[in-house]
Protein backbone atom coordinates (compact mmCIF):
# COMPACT_ATOMS: atom_id res chain seq x y z
CA MET A 1 193.58 248.08 192.30
CA SER A 2 197.55 248.82 191.51
CA LEU A 3 198.33 251.25 188.89
CA GLU A 4 199.96 248.67 186.73
CA ARG A 5 196.96 246.28 187.02
CA LYS A 6 194.56 249.03 186.27
CA GLU A 7 196.45 250.09 183.23
CA ARG A 8 196.51 246.55 181.92
CA PHE A 9 192.78 246.17 182.68
CA THR A 10 191.94 249.37 180.94
CA ALA A 11 193.95 248.16 178.04
CA ASN A 12 191.94 244.98 177.82
CA THR A 13 188.70 246.77 177.71
CA ALA A 14 189.70 249.54 175.17
CA PHE A 15 187.96 247.51 172.31
CA PRO A 16 184.24 246.61 172.24
CA ALA A 17 185.02 242.90 171.50
CA ASP A 18 187.14 242.66 174.48
CA ARG A 19 184.80 244.45 176.77
CA GLN A 20 181.75 242.33 175.40
CA GLN A 21 183.63 238.91 176.11
CA LEU A 22 184.22 240.06 179.69
CA ILE A 23 180.56 241.12 179.82
CA ARG A 24 179.58 237.72 178.53
CA GLU A 25 181.62 235.94 181.25
CA ARG A 26 180.02 238.19 184.01
CA LEU A 27 176.53 237.19 182.62
CA VAL A 28 177.39 233.51 182.91
CA ARG A 29 178.85 234.03 186.43
CA ASP A 30 176.35 236.33 187.93
CA GLY A 31 173.13 236.29 185.74
CA ARG A 32 173.03 239.93 185.39
CA VAL A 33 175.05 243.23 185.06
CA LEU A 34 174.64 246.95 185.99
CA ALA A 35 175.60 249.44 183.36
CA ALA A 36 176.91 251.89 185.98
CA GLU A 37 179.13 249.31 187.81
CA LEU A 38 180.50 248.09 184.45
CA ALA A 39 181.28 251.65 183.26
CA ALA A 40 183.21 252.50 186.57
CA GLU A 41 184.96 249.17 186.55
CA PHE A 42 186.11 249.53 182.83
CA GLY A 43 186.79 253.25 183.14
CA ILE A 44 184.39 254.20 180.19
CA SER A 45 181.11 256.01 179.75
CA GLU A 46 177.77 254.25 180.57
CA ASP A 47 176.80 255.13 176.99
CA SER A 48 179.79 252.76 175.80
CA ILE A 49 178.37 250.11 177.98
CA ARG A 50 174.82 250.55 176.90
CA ARG A 51 175.94 250.06 173.29
CA ASP A 52 177.78 246.98 174.26
CA LEU A 53 174.72 245.69 175.87
CA ARG A 54 172.47 246.58 172.91
CA GLU A 55 174.91 244.53 170.68
CA LEU A 56 174.97 241.64 173.05
CA ALA A 57 171.15 241.63 173.26
CA ALA A 58 171.05 241.70 169.29
CA ALA A 59 173.27 238.62 169.40
CA GLY A 60 170.91 236.78 171.75
CA VAL A 61 173.28 236.82 174.65
CA CYS A 62 171.36 238.82 177.02
CA GLN A 63 168.05 240.85 177.51
CA ARG A 64 168.19 244.64 178.45
CA VAL A 65 166.47 245.57 181.56
CA TYR A 66 166.44 248.94 183.51
CA GLY A 67 169.87 249.86 184.35
CA GLY A 68 171.71 246.75 182.83
CA ALA A 69 170.98 243.42 181.37
CA ILE A 70 170.20 239.80 182.50
CA ALA A 71 171.43 236.52 180.94
CA GLN A 72 169.29 235.11 178.16
CA ALA A 73 167.71 231.66 178.82
CA ALA A 74 169.14 228.90 176.92
CA ALA A 75 167.53 228.38 173.45
CA ASN A 76 164.51 225.96 173.43
CA ARG A 77 165.33 222.37 172.30
CA PRO A 78 162.98 219.70 171.23
CA ILE A 79 160.89 218.40 174.18
CA LEU A 80 161.84 214.82 173.66
CA GLU A 81 165.40 215.92 174.42
CA ARG A 82 164.41 218.07 177.35
CA SER A 83 162.15 215.26 178.89
CA ARG A 84 165.23 212.94 179.40
CA GLU A 85 167.05 215.73 181.44
CA ASN A 86 166.91 216.44 185.32
CA ILE A 87 164.01 213.96 185.87
CA GLY A 88 164.81 213.66 189.69
CA ARG A 89 164.69 217.50 190.12
CA LYS A 90 161.52 217.91 188.03
CA GLN A 91 159.81 215.05 190.31
CA LYS A 92 160.70 217.03 193.55
CA LEU A 93 159.15 220.15 191.92
CA ALA A 94 156.12 218.28 190.91
CA LEU A 95 155.63 217.02 194.48
CA ALA A 96 155.58 220.46 195.92
CA ALA A 97 153.49 221.81 193.08
CA VAL A 98 150.68 219.44 193.62
CA ARG A 99 150.09 220.51 197.22
CA LEU A 100 148.47 223.57 195.51
CA VAL A 101 145.79 221.62 193.90
CA GLN A 102 142.28 220.93 195.49
CA GLY A 103 139.72 218.42 194.51
CA GLY A 104 136.93 219.52 192.25
CA GLN A 105 139.06 222.12 190.49
CA LEU A 106 139.60 222.75 186.74
CA VAL A 107 143.34 222.82 186.42
CA PHE A 108 145.24 223.67 183.22
CA LEU A 109 148.47 221.99 182.72
CA ASP A 110 150.56 223.84 180.03
CA ALA A 111 153.03 222.00 177.78
CA GLY A 112 156.35 221.25 179.62
CA THR A 113 158.44 218.50 180.85
CA THR A 114 157.93 219.57 184.55
CA ASN A 115 154.09 219.68 184.02
CA VAL A 116 154.17 216.20 182.81
CA GLU A 117 155.78 215.18 186.08
CA ILE A 118 152.98 217.25 187.89
CA ALA A 119 150.42 215.18 186.08
CA LYS A 120 152.02 211.94 187.36
CA ALA A 121 152.16 213.18 190.84
CA LEU A 122 148.53 214.08 191.20
CA PRO A 123 147.15 212.32 194.34
CA GLU A 124 144.98 209.42 193.85
CA ASP A 125 141.17 209.92 194.02
CA ILE A 126 141.64 213.70 194.01
CA GLY A 127 138.67 214.24 191.61
CA LEU A 128 139.70 216.92 189.06
CA THR A 129 139.18 218.13 185.63
CA VAL A 130 142.54 218.66 183.81
CA ALA A 131 142.79 220.74 180.61
CA THR A 132 145.79 220.52 178.76
CA ASN A 133 147.53 221.40 175.34
CA SER A 134 150.12 218.63 176.14
CA PRO A 135 149.66 215.18 174.57
CA ALA A 136 152.07 214.05 176.98
CA VAL A 137 150.10 215.00 179.89
CA ALA A 138 147.05 213.49 178.48
CA VAL A 139 148.92 210.21 178.08
CA ALA A 140 150.25 210.41 181.64
CA LEU A 141 146.67 210.70 182.87
CA MET A 142 145.22 208.16 180.62
CA ASP A 143 144.48 205.58 183.38
CA ARG A 144 143.16 208.02 185.90
CA ASP A 145 139.48 207.30 186.44
CA ASP A 146 139.37 210.23 188.93
CA ILE A 147 140.60 212.65 186.56
CA GLU A 148 138.58 214.10 183.50
CA VAL A 149 141.07 215.17 180.83
CA VAL A 150 140.27 217.84 178.31
CA LEU A 151 142.74 217.94 175.41
CA ILE A 152 142.45 221.27 173.47
CA GLY A 153 142.46 221.19 169.75
CA GLY A 154 144.92 222.76 167.14
CA ARG A 155 148.46 222.16 165.69
CA LEU A 156 150.98 220.28 167.48
CA ASP A 157 154.23 222.07 167.93
CA HIS A 158 156.98 219.27 168.06
CA GLN A 159 159.44 221.65 169.78
CA VAL A 160 157.32 223.03 172.46
CA GLY A 161 155.49 219.63 172.81
CA GLY A 162 152.22 221.34 172.97
CA ILE A 163 149.31 222.36 170.81
CA LEU A 164 149.29 225.91 169.53
CA GLY A 165 147.53 228.12 166.99
CA GLY A 166 144.25 229.75 166.53
CA GLN A 167 142.07 226.77 167.47
CA ALA A 168 143.99 226.42 170.83
CA LEU A 169 143.69 230.14 171.61
CA VAL A 170 139.91 229.88 171.02
CA ASP A 171 139.55 226.82 173.23
CA VAL A 172 141.25 228.49 176.09
CA GLN A 173 139.30 231.62 175.66
CA ARG A 174 136.18 229.62 176.49
CA MET A 175 137.65 228.06 179.69
CA ARG A 176 137.93 229.60 183.16
CA PRO A 177 140.40 227.20 184.86
CA ASP A 178 140.68 227.72 188.62
CA LEU A 179 144.50 227.03 188.38
CA CYS A 180 147.07 226.85 185.69
CA PHE A 181 150.53 225.57 185.75
CA LEU A 182 152.24 227.74 183.21
CA GLY A 183 155.31 226.38 181.28
CA VAL A 184 158.00 229.17 181.04
CA CYS A 185 161.63 229.53 179.64
CA ALA A 186 162.73 232.24 181.94
CA ILE A 187 161.66 234.23 185.01
CA ASP A 188 163.08 237.56 186.24
CA ILE A 189 161.81 240.29 188.60
CA GLU A 190 162.18 242.96 185.90
CA ALA A 191 161.73 241.04 182.57
CA GLY A 192 158.98 238.88 184.00
CA LEU A 193 158.03 235.49 182.48
CA GLY A 194 159.31 234.66 178.91
CA ALA A 195 158.89 232.07 176.29
CA GLY A 196 161.24 231.07 173.39
CA THR A 197 158.72 231.41 170.37
CA ALA A 198 156.06 234.14 169.63
CA GLU A 199 153.32 231.57 168.87
CA ASP A 200 154.00 229.93 172.52
CA ALA A 201 154.17 233.21 174.20
CA ALA A 202 150.79 234.28 172.61
CA PHE A 203 149.10 231.06 173.82
CA LYS A 204 150.57 231.54 177.39
CA ARG A 205 149.34 235.15 177.67
CA GLN A 206 145.82 233.80 176.79
CA LEU A 207 146.11 231.23 179.58
CA VAL A 208 147.16 234.07 181.95
CA ALA A 209 144.16 236.28 181.01
CA SER A 210 141.83 233.16 181.44
CA CYS A 211 142.94 231.38 184.61
CA GLY A 212 141.97 232.34 187.97
CA ALA A 213 145.49 231.66 189.58
CA ILE A 214 148.78 231.12 187.89
CA VAL A 215 151.56 228.83 189.15
CA ALA A 216 155.09 228.86 187.64
CA VAL A 217 157.51 225.87 188.41
CA ALA A 218 161.13 226.59 187.61
CA THR A 219 164.40 224.89 187.72
CA ASN A 220 167.41 226.95 189.07
CA GLU A 221 168.62 227.68 185.68
CA LYS A 222 165.63 229.61 184.67
CA LEU A 223 165.68 231.92 187.46
CA GLY A 224 166.95 235.47 186.86
CA THR A 225 167.13 234.96 183.06
CA GLY A 226 165.24 236.53 180.10
CA ALA A 227 163.70 235.05 176.86
CA PRO A 228 162.75 236.68 173.65
CA PHE A 229 158.99 236.85 173.92
CA ALA A 230 157.15 238.14 176.95
CA ILE A 231 154.30 236.29 178.71
CA ALA A 232 153.47 238.27 181.73
CA ASP A 233 154.76 240.25 184.61
CA ILE A 234 155.96 238.40 187.75
CA GLN A 235 153.09 240.09 189.70
CA ASP A 236 150.67 238.00 187.57
CA VAL A 237 152.07 234.85 189.34
CA GLY A 238 150.48 233.75 192.54
CA HIS A 239 152.94 230.91 193.45
CA LEU A 240 156.49 230.30 192.11
CA VAL A 241 157.62 226.64 192.92
CA VAL A 242 161.42 226.47 193.03
CA GLU A 243 164.06 223.70 193.92
CA ALA A 244 165.37 223.41 197.53
CA ASP A 245 168.72 224.93 196.61
CA ALA A 246 167.30 227.85 194.52
CA ASP A 247 169.64 231.08 194.77
CA ALA A 248 168.53 232.95 197.94
CA ASN A 249 169.23 236.35 196.27
CA GLN A 250 167.14 235.51 193.25
CA LEU A 251 164.30 234.51 195.48
CA ALA A 252 164.40 237.54 197.56
CA HIS A 253 164.19 239.78 194.56
CA LEU A 254 161.22 237.77 193.21
CA ALA A 255 159.41 237.65 196.62
CA ARG A 256 159.45 241.56 196.68
CA SER A 257 156.79 241.33 193.87
CA GLY A 258 154.43 239.56 196.14
CA VAL A 259 154.68 236.11 194.65
CA GLU A 260 154.50 233.27 197.20
CA ILE A 261 157.63 231.10 196.94
CA VAL A 262 157.15 227.28 197.48
CA ARG A 263 160.35 225.24 197.81
CA ALA A 264 160.57 221.75 196.91
CA SER A 265 161.96 219.40 199.57
């Protein structure tokens, strides 16, 4: 970097607001930042960068992790709005996900638009019991004589599209599903799995505790991001189903945790 350019760059990062805007842009571009690299690049102390990251995290822009920060997943939107988006991508993920299902299992399908597509993609005559907190999943399986459907009780959260609350937690505590397709907002090697609301995260934590094996199915935008409420560590996931063009660097990081990566075709 030339002296003139360096002086101009330093001037542009002398004020926290200017630095934080640059950090925001870096998070959008790369998904994560490292405090040491930013400090060297901006010519300031790591303490100053850490203060910037704390302020950005408080504003919901990022989530702090060891050594830096990762981008925060997009805020939850009502499930009816999300259900109309990226249908083809979710169908491809669903076709890959159902290969993990075996006849005779008790499978839990958590609330989520991709999990509705998984319900629709289950092979004919597979012979399953599907438990769910999602009315949309139950409706998708309404005409399947080969699948017994167990819909748990409680209060319907219209944004999540699932049944949550105390009764739902009790119902899941009494189950021992062989396999659970967990709905998640964000997945990262350090931050783990995250959800957008505290109540939804609490329900998902109980699913992780009750189920024999956990499968996470994620569109590309969820990889390498954080969410406000923690569900579980990435090591708690047995399989991660991703899109065919998922970022190779993200998958390499995640694979180090021991999770088995399943790519959609």
